[in-house]
Amino acid sequence: MDFSKAWELLKLQQEAMKIKKELENTFIESEVWWLVITVNWEMKVEKVDFETNDLIPGLSDSQKEALQKAITESINKWIKKSQEVAASKMQWVMSQMWLNMPAGWLPGM
């Protein structure tokens, strides 16, 4: 029995876990004027921050926090929904690919 393929797969899995661990501490910031949005490696918004109160004059601290939270939740909701839509559209394509595979296409079968 050839275990070299299994060993290669294990090595790839270990490398993927190492990269995932590194990515967990990766955050990308995008700044436009005084608005800074921080996104994690899973494309989830971690933080929205207005760096100045001049962006929206007269905004109290509690209003600023509420607006930042609303923006964060709105973007995350949009991202999740877009991923669900893409997954549902791809589900049909993937099912068709599996249905069209010739018999015995898996090695060793």
Protein backbone atom coordinates (compact mmCIF):
# COMPACT_ATOMS: atom_id res chain seq x y z
CA MET A 1 0.00 0.00 0.00
CA ASP A 2 1.35 3.44 -0.97
CA PHE A 3 1.29 5.79 2.01
CA SER A 4 3.21 8.57 0.25
CA LYS A 5 -0.02 10.29 -0.87
CA ALA A 6 -1.43 10.11 2.66
CA TRP A 7 1.84 11.54 4.02
CA GLU A 8 1.72 14.39 1.49
CA LEU A 9 -1.89 15.11 2.44
CA LEU A 10 -0.95 15.18 6.13
CA LYS A 11 1.90 17.60 5.42
CA LEU A 12 -0.43 19.87 3.43
CA GLN A 13 -2.98 19.78 6.24
CA GLN A 14 -0.31 20.74 8.79
CA GLU A 15 0.85 23.61 6.56
CA ALA A 16 -2.74 24.80 6.17
CA MET A 17 -3.19 24.80 9.96
CA LYS A 18 0.04 26.78 10.37
CA ILE A 19 -1.13 29.39 7.84
CA LYS A 20 -4.55 29.57 9.51
CA LYS A 21 -2.88 30.25 12.86
CA GLU A 22 -0.83 33.06 11.30
CA LEU A 23 -3.92 34.54 9.64
CA GLU A 24 -5.84 34.62 12.92
CA ASN A 25 -3.65 37.58 13.91
CA THR A 26 -4.02 39.35 10.58
CA PHE A 27 -6.19 42.44 10.37
CA ILE A 28 -6.53 44.75 7.40
CA GLU A 29 -7.44 48.39 7.88
CA SER A 30 -9.05 50.52 5.23
CA GLU A 31 -9.19 54.27 5.75
CA VAL A 32 -11.18 56.81 3.81
CA TRP A 33 -10.98 60.31 5.17
CA TRP A 34 -11.57 59.81 8.91
CA LEU A 35 -13.40 56.50 8.70
CA VAL A 36 -11.33 53.39 9.48
CA ILE A 37 -12.71 49.88 8.98
CA THR A 38 -10.77 46.90 10.34
CA VAL A 39 -11.44 43.48 8.80
CA ASN A 40 -10.12 40.12 9.96
CA TRP A 41 -8.85 37.26 7.78
CA GLU A 42 -12.34 35.74 7.63
CA MET A 43 -13.62 38.92 5.95
CA LYS A 44 -15.55 39.90 9.07
CA VAL A 45 -15.52 43.53 10.14
CA GLU A 46 -13.89 43.75 13.54
CA LYS A 47 -14.18 47.47 14.09
CA VAL A 48 -15.46 50.68 12.54
CA ASP A 49 -13.97 53.88 13.90
CA PHE A 50 -14.52 57.54 13.18
CA GLU A 51 -11.15 59.08 13.97
CA THR A 52 -12.68 62.51 14.37
CA ASN A 53 -15.97 63.91 15.58
CA ASP A 54 -15.80 66.45 12.75
CA LEU A 55 -17.02 63.82 10.28
CA ILE A 56 -20.57 64.22 11.59
CA PRO A 57 -20.81 67.48 13.55
CA GLY A 58 -22.79 67.37 16.81
CA LEU A 59 -22.58 63.58 17.17
CA SER A 60 -22.46 62.54 20.82
CA ASP A 61 -20.16 59.73 21.96
CA SER A 62 -23.10 57.35 22.42
CA GLN A 63 -24.45 58.21 18.95
CA LYS A 64 -20.99 57.69 17.49
CA GLU A 65 -20.72 54.25 19.14
CA ALA A 66 -24.21 53.29 17.96
CA LEU A 67 -23.41 54.36 14.39
CA GLN A 68 -20.10 52.48 14.40
CA LYS A 69 -21.88 49.35 15.68
CA ALA A 70 -24.64 49.69 13.07
CA ILE A 71 -22.09 50.02 10.25
CA THR A 72 -20.14 47.00 11.55
CA GLU A 73 -23.24 44.81 11.83
CA SER A 74 -24.59 45.96 8.47
CA ILE A 75 -21.39 45.15 6.60
CA ASN A 76 -21.07 41.76 8.32
CA LYS A 77 -24.69 40.94 7.49
CA TRP A 78 -24.07 41.87 3.86
CA ILE A 79 -20.93 39.72 3.67
CA LYS A 80 -22.69 36.71 5.20
CA LYS A 81 -25.67 37.05 2.86
CA SER A 82 -23.42 37.41 -0.20
CA GLN A 83 -21.54 34.25 0.82
CA GLU A 84 -24.84 32.37 1.24
CA VAL A 85 -26.04 33.50 -2.20
CA ALA A 86 -22.75 32.47 -3.82
CA ALA A 87 -22.78 29.09 -2.02
CA SER A 88 -26.33 28.34 -3.11
CA LYS A 89 -25.51 29.17 -6.73
CA MET A 90 -22.34 27.08 -6.63
CA GLN A 91 -24.18 24.14 -5.03
CA TRP A 92 -25.97 23.38 -8.27
CA VAL A 93 -22.73 23.55 -10.28
CA MET A 94 -20.92 21.28 -7.84
CA SER A 95 -23.78 18.74 -7.84
CA GLN A 96 -23.66 18.67 -11.65
CA MET A 97 -19.90 18.07 -11.56
CA TRP A 98 -20.35 15.09 -9.23
CA LEU A 99 -23.17 13.67 -11.33
CA ASN A 100 -21.07 13.87 -14.49
CA MET A 101 -18.00 12.09 -13.10
CA PRO A 102 -17.28 8.81 -14.88
CA ALA A 103 -17.53 5.58 -12.88
CA GLY A 104 -14.26 4.66 -11.20
CA TRP A 105 -12.80 8.17 -11.42
CA LEU A 106 -11.43 7.90 -7.89
CA PRO A 107 -8.01 6.21 -7.70
CA GLY A 108 -8.25 2.69 -6.37
CA MET A 109 -11.93 2.30 -7.23
